[in-house]
Amino acid sequence: MLYNLIIPLKKFYFLLSFLFTVLASAQTLRNYSNEFLTIGVDAAALGMSKSVVATTNDVNAVYWNPAGLVNIQDYQGAIMYSSYFAGIANYNYAAFAMPIDNQSALGISIIRFGVDDILNTTELIDNQGNIDFNRISLFSAADYALNISYARNLKLKNIYFGINAKVIRRTIGEFANSWGVGLDAGIQYQRGDWKFGLMVRDISTTFNIWNIDEDAFATIQNAIPGQNQELPETTEITKPKVQFGVARKFNIGRFFHLLSEIDLNMRFAKTNDLISTSLASIDPSIGFQLDYEEFVFLRAGIGNFQNITEFDGSKNISLQPNFGIGFVYKGIQIDYALTNIGSVGNALFSNIFSLKIDYSYFRK
């Protein structure tokens, strides 16, 4: 029985470590906060290594760049399911968008990233040293985000603007929970065959206010002697992040088209990204999409370039290739992406499925 507890106990202590990593810093302006919102949505976009900020033009623009919503002609809906860490964590997304008039559109989406059925073993052993399995309970650690988007075609030709208002809810069982609010803004521009996109996440900075159950905190406060002794800070402020993209579509013969995009993802912090300074760090990515008469799609991308220092002191550059396929039939688009395929170990592979429905087909 003790052996069967090993994996759940690892999950539990992983989540506790995550809780204190998020909350215990004395700084309130965080380089890494609400990171579940950087994972991305839509298997089609993830198959291109997230290089879509300039070309996104459907319901999924709610996440990638709300300016792209002005291109939709009718109601659109999308859902996505994926799992991470060998199925320990689930990541789900649903979105809906509609045009308001010929110049503007509205969208809404919800995201959930969660680890469920975690064993709470804080009371497994009583103060006499006795083990009582009846004292084990289950809890979930989950992050939620609600996005409401508005996009408009500006008076300047071929320039679109969009904005997201987001509400964030994060829970870690009964130990802690938080509410957060923030704004994102994006713009797209098209000139001939070229497309450009700019997305600024947390442009307002995003505020998260945590509420910590002090009684629950007290039960784990001394679990690791000499650590976690102080009540964590309860306010987080998320720094802005910038994504800039340039794209072009090429015709290959009569039936095939190739879409290519290069993006630069910027954080205002020194990280292990390929280009890193004390002011900002930049992680480039590139994605390709080959289609046959916009019916069948083959996608590939490379991103997440990181400077890695090995144990022997040598330095290397790691990267993450992605792959995806999809098809459209009678207004229904189904996409699949395999991500993290450059990593070592099957536990790091992520299979992502998404579905999009365009209601304009059913009006014909």
Protein backbone atom coordinates (compact mmCIF):
# COMPACT_ATOMS: atom_id res chain seq x y z
CA MET A 1 0.00 0.00 0.00
CA LEU A 2 2.85 2.36 0.78
CA TYR A 3 4.29 1.70 -2.66
CA ASN A 4 0.99 2.71 -4.26
CA LEU A 5 1.23 6.06 -2.48
CA ILE A 6 4.59 7.04 -3.95
CA ILE A 7 3.28 8.68 -7.14
CA PRO A 8 0.34 10.50 -5.48
CA LEU A 9 2.65 11.72 -2.70
CA LYS A 10 5.04 13.07 -5.32
CA LYS A 11 2.13 14.91 -6.92
CA PHE A 12 1.14 16.36 -3.57
CA TYR A 13 4.59 17.60 -2.61
CA PHE A 14 5.14 18.90 -6.16
CA LEU A 15 2.02 21.03 -5.78
CA LEU A 16 3.05 22.24 -2.32
CA SER A 17 6.44 23.22 -3.71
CA PHE A 18 4.68 25.02 -6.54
CA LEU A 19 2.47 26.86 -4.06
CA PHE A 20 5.42 28.22 -2.14
CA THR A 21 7.40 28.99 -5.28
CA VAL A 22 4.51 31.12 -6.49
CA LEU A 23 3.74 32.81 -3.21
CA ALA A 24 6.79 32.93 -0.98
CA SER A 25 8.90 35.50 -2.84
CA ALA A 26 9.23 38.90 -1.23
CA GLN A 27 8.87 40.54 -4.65
CA THR A 28 5.40 41.32 -5.92
CA LEU A 29 6.44 42.12 -9.51
CA ARG A 30 6.96 38.64 -10.93
CA ASN A 31 8.96 37.48 -13.93
CA TYR A 32 6.89 34.28 -13.91
CA SER A 33 3.24 34.46 -12.91
CA ASN A 34 0.08 32.97 -14.40
CA GLU A 35 2.36 30.85 -16.57
CA PHE A 36 -0.48 28.55 -17.58
CA LEU A 37 -1.57 31.38 -19.90
CA THR A 38 1.66 31.03 -21.91
CA ILE A 39 1.07 27.38 -22.88
CA GLY A 40 -1.07 28.27 -25.88
CA VAL A 41 -4.30 26.95 -27.39
CA ASP A 42 -5.44 25.29 -30.64
CA ALA A 43 -3.60 22.28 -32.01
CA ALA A 44 -3.12 24.07 -35.35
CA ALA A 45 -1.21 26.92 -33.71
CA LEU A 46 0.80 24.64 -31.43
CA GLY A 47 1.82 22.51 -34.40
CA MET A 48 3.43 25.67 -35.78
CA SER A 49 5.26 26.31 -32.48
CA LYS A 50 2.88 29.18 -31.62
CA SER A 51 4.06 31.23 -34.63
CA VAL A 52 0.62 32.61 -35.48
CA VAL A 53 0.35 36.11 -34.00
CA ALA A 54 0.37 37.70 -37.48
CA THR A 55 -1.94 35.20 -39.21
CA THR A 56 -4.51 34.12 -36.61
CA ASN A 57 -7.89 35.01 -38.10
CA ASP A 58 -10.55 32.80 -36.48
CA VAL A 59 -12.14 32.16 -33.10
CA ASN A 60 -8.76 31.20 -31.61
CA ALA A 61 -7.58 34.78 -32.15
CA VAL A 62 -9.26 35.40 -28.79
CA TYR A 63 -6.07 33.93 -27.32
CA TRP A 64 -3.35 34.60 -29.89
CA ASN A 65 -4.19 38.12 -31.07
CA PRO A 66 -7.73 39.50 -30.67
CA ALA A 67 -7.20 41.78 -33.68
CA GLY A 68 -7.63 38.72 -35.90
CA LEU A 69 -11.28 38.35 -34.87
CA VAL A 70 -12.34 40.97 -37.45
CA ASN A 71 -11.81 38.33 -40.16
CA ILE A 72 -14.59 36.00 -39.02
CA GLN A 73 -17.79 36.09 -41.05
CA ASP A 74 -20.18 34.16 -38.79
CA TYR A 75 -20.43 32.34 -35.48
CA GLN A 76 -17.39 30.20 -34.68
CA GLY A 77 -16.67 27.87 -31.79
CA ALA A 78 -13.58 25.92 -30.72
CA ILE A 79 -12.59 23.41 -28.05
CA MET A 80 -9.26 21.81 -27.16
CA TYR A 81 -8.10 19.02 -24.91
CA SER A 82 -4.53 18.12 -23.94
CA SER A 83 -2.67 16.42 -21.12
CA TYR A 84 0.78 17.03 -19.70
CA PHE A 85 3.29 15.18 -17.50
CA ALA A 86 2.10 11.71 -18.52
CA GLY A 87 -1.51 12.62 -17.87
CA ILE A 88 -1.02 14.15 -14.43
CA ALA A 89 -2.19 17.58 -15.58
CA ASN A 90 -5.11 18.36 -17.93
CA TYR A 91 -5.39 21.49 -20.04
CA ASN A 92 -8.76 22.40 -21.58
CA TYR A 93 -10.02 25.35 -23.60
CA ALA A 94 -13.28 26.49 -25.17
CA ALA A 95 -14.03 29.66 -27.17
CA PHE A 96 -16.81 31.38 -29.10
CA ALA A 97 -16.67 34.38 -31.43
CA MET A 98 -19.05 36.31 -33.64
CA PRO A 99 -19.00 39.41 -35.85
CA ILE A 100 -20.82 42.47 -34.53
CA ASP A 101 -20.87 44.24 -37.88
CA ASN A 102 -18.61 44.57 -40.91
CA GLN A 103 -15.99 46.41 -38.86
CA SER A 104 -15.90 44.66 -35.46
CA ALA A 105 -16.19 41.32 -33.65
CA LEU A 106 -16.58 39.89 -30.18
CA GLY A 107 -15.10 36.76 -28.61
CA ILE A 108 -15.04 34.88 -25.31
CA SER A 109 -12.95 31.96 -24.07
CA ILE A 110 -12.27 29.96 -20.94
CA ILE A 111 -9.12 28.03 -20.06
CA ARG A 112 -8.56 25.46 -17.31
CA PHE A 113 -5.21 23.93 -16.35
CA GLY A 114 -5.48 21.56 -13.42
CA VAL A 115 -4.12 18.62 -11.47
CA ASP A 116 -6.93 16.65 -9.87
CA ASP A 117 -7.25 13.95 -7.20
CA ILE A 118 -4.10 14.93 -5.31
CA LEU A 119 -3.68 13.09 -2.03
CA ASN A 120 -3.65 15.43 0.98
CA THR A 121 -1.40 13.57 3.41
CA THR A 122 -0.75 16.44 5.83
CA GLU A 123 -2.67 14.56 8.52
CA LEU A 124 -1.61 11.04 7.56
CA ILE A 125 0.61 10.78 10.65
CA ASP A 126 -0.75 12.03 13.96
CA ASN A 127 1.29 13.62 16.74
CA GLN A 128 1.91 10.18 18.22
CA GLY A 129 3.51 8.90 15.02
CA ASN A 130 0.58 6.68 14.07
CA ILE A 131 -0.38 6.27 10.39
CA ASP A 132 -4.10 6.50 9.67
CA PHE A 133 -5.06 6.21 5.99
CA ASN A 134 -8.57 7.37 6.79
CA ARG A 135 -7.12 10.83 7.39
CA ILE A 136 -6.13 11.16 3.69
CA SER A 137 -8.33 13.41 1.55
CA LEU A 138 -8.25 14.54 -2.09
CA PHE A 139 -7.95 18.03 -3.54
CA SER A 140 -7.34 19.75 -6.88
CA ALA A 141 -5.00 22.52 -7.93
CA ALA A 142 -6.48 24.39 -10.89
CA ASP A 143 -6.01 27.62 -12.80
CA TYR A 144 -8.85 29.26 -14.74
CA ALA A 145 -8.93 32.22 -17.13
CA LEU A 146 -11.91 33.95 -18.69
CA ASN A 147 -11.13 36.15 -21.71
CA ILE A 148 -13.56 38.63 -23.25
CA SER A 149 -12.27 40.09 -26.52
CA TYR A 150 -13.23 42.95 -28.81
CA ALA A 151 -11.71 43.65 -32.22
CA ARG A 152 -12.19 46.45 -34.73
CA ASN A 153 -11.02 47.34 -38.22
CA LEU A 154 -9.37 50.75 -37.87
CA LYS A 155 -9.93 53.54 -40.36
CA LEU A 156 -6.40 53.04 -41.70
CA LYS A 157 -6.46 50.45 -44.47
CA ASN A 158 -5.72 46.84 -43.50
CA ILE A 159 -4.98 47.61 -39.84
CA TYR A 160 -6.92 45.73 -37.16
CA PHE A 161 -6.90 46.26 -33.40
CA GLY A 162 -8.12 44.04 -30.57
CA ILE A 163 -8.17 43.93 -26.79
CA ASN A 164 -8.72 41.23 -24.16
CA ALA A 165 -10.11 41.72 -20.68
CA LYS A 166 -9.29 38.68 -18.56
CA VAL A 167 -10.31 37.38 -15.18
CA ILE A 168 -8.10 34.76 -13.54
CA ARG A 169 -9.06 32.31 -10.80
CA ARG A 170 -6.46 30.04 -9.20
CA THR A 171 -7.09 27.46 -6.48
CA ILE A 172 -4.86 25.06 -4.56
CA GLY A 173 -7.33 22.93 -2.64
CA GLU A 174 -8.32 24.63 0.58
CA PHE A 175 -4.80 25.90 1.10
CA ALA A 176 -5.02 29.03 -1.07
CA ASN A 177 -6.95 30.73 -3.85
CA SER A 178 -6.66 33.94 -5.82
CA TRP A 179 -8.45 36.31 -8.16
CA GLY A 180 -6.71 38.33 -10.86
CA VAL A 181 -7.57 40.83 -13.60
CA GLY A 182 -5.65 42.23 -16.54
CA LEU A 183 -5.68 43.41 -20.15
CA ASP A 184 -4.01 42.22 -23.37
CA ALA A 185 -3.87 44.18 -26.63
CA GLY A 186 -2.98 43.22 -30.19
CA ILE A 187 -2.70 44.67 -33.68
CA GLN A 188 -2.42 43.21 -37.18
CA TYR A 189 -1.43 44.78 -40.47
CA GLN A 190 -1.45 43.38 -44.01
CA ARG A 191 0.49 44.73 -46.97
CA GLY A 192 0.24 42.68 -50.13
CA ASP A 193 1.26 39.09 -49.40
CA TRP A 194 2.90 40.08 -46.11
CA LYS A 195 1.22 40.06 -42.70
CA PHE A 196 2.46 41.56 -39.44
CA GLY A 197 1.20 41.06 -35.91
CA LEU A 198 1.96 42.41 -32.45
CA MET A 199 0.48 41.05 -29.21
CA VAL A 200 1.20 42.55 -25.77
CA ARG A 201 0.04 40.31 -22.95
CA ASP A 202 -0.60 41.83 -19.52
CA ILE A 203 -0.23 45.27 -21.04
CA SER A 204 -1.89 46.71 -17.93
CA THR A 205 0.16 44.34 -15.76
CA THR A 206 -2.07 41.64 -14.27
CA PHE A 207 -2.86 41.69 -10.56
CA ASN A 208 -3.45 38.51 -8.56
CA ILE A 209 -4.59 38.71 -4.95
CA TRP A 210 -4.14 35.48 -2.96
CA ASN A 211 -6.17 34.38 0.02
CA ILE A 212 -4.30 31.83 2.13
CA ASP A 213 -6.02 29.59 4.68
CA GLU A 214 -3.82 30.19 7.69
CA ASP A 215 -5.12 27.12 9.54
CA ALA A 216 -4.34 24.89 6.56
CA PHE A 217 -1.01 26.63 6.17
CA ALA A 218 -0.17 25.90 9.80
CA THR A 219 -0.59 22.14 9.24
CA ILE A 220 2.23 22.11 6.68
CA GLN A 221 4.31 25.05 7.93
CA ASN A 222 6.83 22.86 9.74
CA ALA A 223 6.74 19.91 7.33
CA ILE A 224 10.27 20.78 6.20
CA PRO A 225 12.34 22.01 9.18
CA GLY A 226 13.79 25.46 8.62
CA GLN A 227 11.71 26.16 5.51
CA ASN A 228 8.29 27.65 4.73
CA GLN A 229 8.13 29.32 8.13
CA GLU A 230 6.71 32.66 7.02
CA LEU A 231 3.28 33.31 5.56
CA PRO A 232 3.81 34.00 1.83
CA GLU A 233 3.14 37.31 0.12
CA THR A 234 -0.41 37.58 -1.13
CA THR A 235 -0.06 39.99 -4.08
CA GLU A 236 1.39 39.24 -7.53
CA ILE A 237 1.87 41.66 -10.39
CA THR A 238 2.58 40.04 -13.75
CA LYS A 239 4.96 41.84 -16.11
CA PRO A 240 3.96 42.46 -19.74
CA LYS A 241 5.13 40.08 -22.47
CA VAL A 242 5.41 40.88 -26.18
CA GLN A 243 5.03 38.68 -29.27
CA PHE A 244 5.80 40.06 -32.74
CA GLY A 245 5.32 38.12 -35.95
CA VAL A 246 5.91 38.41 -39.70
CA ALA A 247 4.25 36.01 -42.13
CA ARG A 248 3.74 35.33 -45.80
CA LYS A 249 1.70 32.84 -47.81
CA PHE A 250 3.07 31.27 -51.01
CA ASN A 251 1.27 29.48 -53.82
CA ILE A 252 2.92 26.20 -54.78
CA GLY A 253 1.52 25.03 -58.05
CA ARG A 254 -2.22 24.94 -58.56
CA PHE A 255 -3.45 23.19 -55.43
CA PHE A 256 -0.89 23.74 -52.66
CA HIS A 257 -0.18 26.77 -50.46
CA LEU A 258 2.58 27.33 -47.93
CA LEU A 259 2.13 29.67 -44.97
CA SER A 260 5.27 30.62 -43.06
CA GLU A 261 5.67 32.85 -40.02
CA ILE A 262 8.54 33.95 -37.82
CA ASP A 263 7.76 35.25 -34.32
CA LEU A 264 9.82 36.90 -31.60
CA ASN A 265 8.63 36.27 -28.03
CA MET A 266 9.92 38.83 -25.55
CA ARG A 267 10.03 38.91 -21.74
CA PHE A 268 11.31 41.87 -19.78
CA ALA A 269 13.65 39.77 -17.67
CA LYS A 270 16.95 37.93 -18.02
CA THR A 271 16.20 34.28 -18.81
CA ASN A 272 17.78 31.33 -20.64
CA ASP A 273 16.24 32.41 -23.95
CA LEU A 274 18.42 32.45 -27.05
CA ILE A 275 18.84 36.24 -26.82
CA SER A 276 19.08 37.38 -23.22
CA THR A 277 20.00 40.70 -21.62
CA SER A 278 19.31 42.34 -18.27
CA LEU A 279 16.56 44.40 -19.92
CA ALA A 280 14.77 41.75 -22.01
CA SER A 281 15.04 38.23 -23.39
CA ILE A 282 13.87 37.06 -26.82
CA ASP A 283 12.88 33.55 -27.87
CA PRO A 284 12.36 33.20 -31.65
CA SER A 285 10.06 30.65 -33.25
CA ILE A 286 9.18 29.68 -36.79
CA GLY A 287 6.19 27.79 -38.13
CA PHE A 288 5.05 26.36 -41.47
CA GLN A 289 1.69 25.20 -42.75
CA LEU A 290 1.30 23.38 -46.06
CA ASP A 291 -2.28 22.91 -47.26
CA TYR A 292 -3.99 21.20 -50.14
CA GLU A 293 -6.77 23.54 -51.29
CA GLU A 294 -7.34 24.53 -47.64
CA PHE A 295 -8.73 21.04 -47.04
CA VAL A 296 -5.82 19.05 -45.60
CA PHE A 297 -3.04 20.67 -43.55
CA LEU A 298 0.48 19.59 -42.62
CA ARG A 299 2.26 21.73 -40.02
CA ALA A 300 5.69 21.98 -38.41
CA GLY A 301 7.51 24.45 -36.22
CA ILE A 302 10.57 25.05 -34.09
CA GLY A 303 10.67 27.19 -30.96
CA ASN A 304 11.65 27.38 -27.30
CA PHE A 305 15.33 28.01 -28.01
CA GLN A 306 17.16 27.87 -24.69
CA ASN A 307 20.77 28.34 -23.58
CA ILE A 308 21.60 25.28 -21.49
CA THR A 309 24.59 24.90 -19.15
CA GLU A 310 25.46 21.23 -18.65
CA PHE A 311 26.82 19.71 -15.43
CA ASP A 312 30.34 19.72 -16.86
CA GLY A 313 30.09 23.46 -17.53
CA SER A 314 29.68 23.18 -21.29
CA LYS A 315 27.01 25.27 -22.97
CA ASN A 316 24.48 24.10 -25.53
CA ILE A 317 21.34 25.37 -27.22
CA SER A 318 18.20 23.31 -26.92
CA LEU A 319 15.08 23.69 -29.06
CA GLN A 320 11.60 22.22 -29.34
CA PRO A 321 10.26 20.97 -32.68
CA ASN A 322 6.50 20.55 -33.07
CA PHE A 323 4.40 18.72 -35.63
CA GLY A 324 0.72 18.83 -36.58
CA ILE A 325 -1.93 17.73 -39.05
CA GLY A 326 -5.52 18.78 -39.69
CA PHE A 327 -8.42 18.75 -42.10
CA VAL A 328 -11.61 20.69 -42.78
CA TYR A 329 -14.88 19.17 -43.92
CA LYS A 330 -18.27 20.87 -44.16
CA GLY A 331 -17.45 23.65 -41.70
CA ILE A 332 -15.78 21.34 -39.16
CA GLN A 333 -12.02 21.51 -38.63
CA ILE A 334 -10.15 18.86 -36.63
CA ASP A 335 -6.49 19.37 -35.72
CA TYR A 336 -3.83 17.36 -33.94
CA ALA A 337 -0.41 18.43 -32.66
CA LEU A 338 2.48 16.54 -31.11
CA THR A 339 4.61 18.88 -29.01
CA ASN A 340 7.81 18.55 -26.99
CA ILE A 341 8.97 15.94 -29.50
CA GLY A 342 12.57 17.07 -29.03
CA SER A 343 12.53 16.22 -25.33
CA VAL A 344 13.83 13.07 -23.73
CA GLY A 345 11.30 10.70 -22.20
CA ASN A 346 7.75 9.87 -23.19
CA ALA A 347 6.39 11.70 -20.13
CA LEU A 348 7.23 14.98 -21.81
CA PHE A 349 5.27 14.29 -24.99
CA SER A 350 1.97 16.13 -25.31
CA ASN A 351 -0.81 15.02 -27.64
CA ILE A 352 -3.17 17.90 -28.38
CA PHE A 353 -6.53 17.71 -30.12
CA SER A 354 -8.76 20.62 -31.08
CA LEU A 355 -12.04 21.12 -32.90
CA LYS A 356 -13.38 24.23 -34.63
CA ILE A 357 -16.85 24.77 -36.06
CA ASP A 358 -17.66 27.55 -38.52
CA TYR A 359 -21.39 28.15 -38.63
CA SER A 360 -21.21 30.01 -41.95
CA TYR A 361 -21.09 26.68 -43.78
CA PHE A 362 -24.46 25.64 -42.36
CA ARG A 363 -26.14 28.80 -43.66
CA LYS A 364 -25.42 27.85 -47.25
